[in-house]
Amino acid sequence: MNPTTVTSPPGTIFYPESDGLPMADNTKQLRWIFTLYGNLAAMFRDRPDIFIASNLLWYPVEGQPEIRTAPDVFVAFGRPKGDRGSYKQWEEGGISPTVAFEVLSPGNTTAEMNDKLIFNEEHGVEEYYIYDPDNPRLTIYLRSGAVLRRVRPENGFVSPRLGIRFDLSGSEMVVFRPDGRPFISFEASEEARELAEREVDRAHQQADKACQQTARIAELSRKARRGQASVEELHELDLLEEQSMPSSD
């Protein structure tokens, strides 16, 4: 996000909509942010009460704009969809983001990530995930009372709130929807859409061919019944009828 200069009336507290930092430090981090955000948004597209954001400044305390963070991706249950310049918790019914994700880059420091953990713990996040795409490694924290406790589950951990499953058995993490479909990148989604369109076109072409074949069989059959069909047309009729017969397989 690029910094924006905004002039506020005297006495008005200004809540910036940008922290001036880049969304990602490298392409791998950016790809994972887009993959998590895009697939979660698609998964909950029919839920008007779930708001999903990426790199959006979250202000949990009114009157204290210095207390803020911008999770790589977060999901807020109980909040309506819609555009926002930032997430001001007091304007969101006091509801904090429910689930937050951070995707590490080489530039993240231990102190920085500790501060983020404390921030999420203090301000109500229920599930907090830190993914290191260079390892790959997923660190999981779940709320237990007033604190976020780290859990070390077996491979295949399922998010209690999102229902998604994390598989780290391969060279890169794979995330699965509750229905078993994997999270995919935009490029893979576009490829699947194009493949589906080609399959639809092929089905239409086959249907058109079948209609033309049926009409030709009907025409040749009428001529054969009237004794008007040539030898070539009778041969064509035999071939078409043979082709139209259902396969015995």
Foldseek 3Di string as FASTA:
>chain_A
DAWDDDDDPPPDDDQTLDPHDDLDDDDVQVQVLQLVQVVLCVVCVVPQQKEKDAQTWEALDPPCNVLIDGFRIFMWGRFGYDDDSHHYCVVRVNTDTAEGEHEDDPPDDPVNVVVVQVSCLQRPHAKYWYAYFVQTDIWIWGDDPSHTDTDDDDQFDADPVQRKTWHPPDNGIWIAHNVGHTRDTPVVVVVVVVVVVVVVVVVVVVVVVVVVLVVLLVVLVVCVVVVNDDPVSVVVNVVSVVVPDDDPD
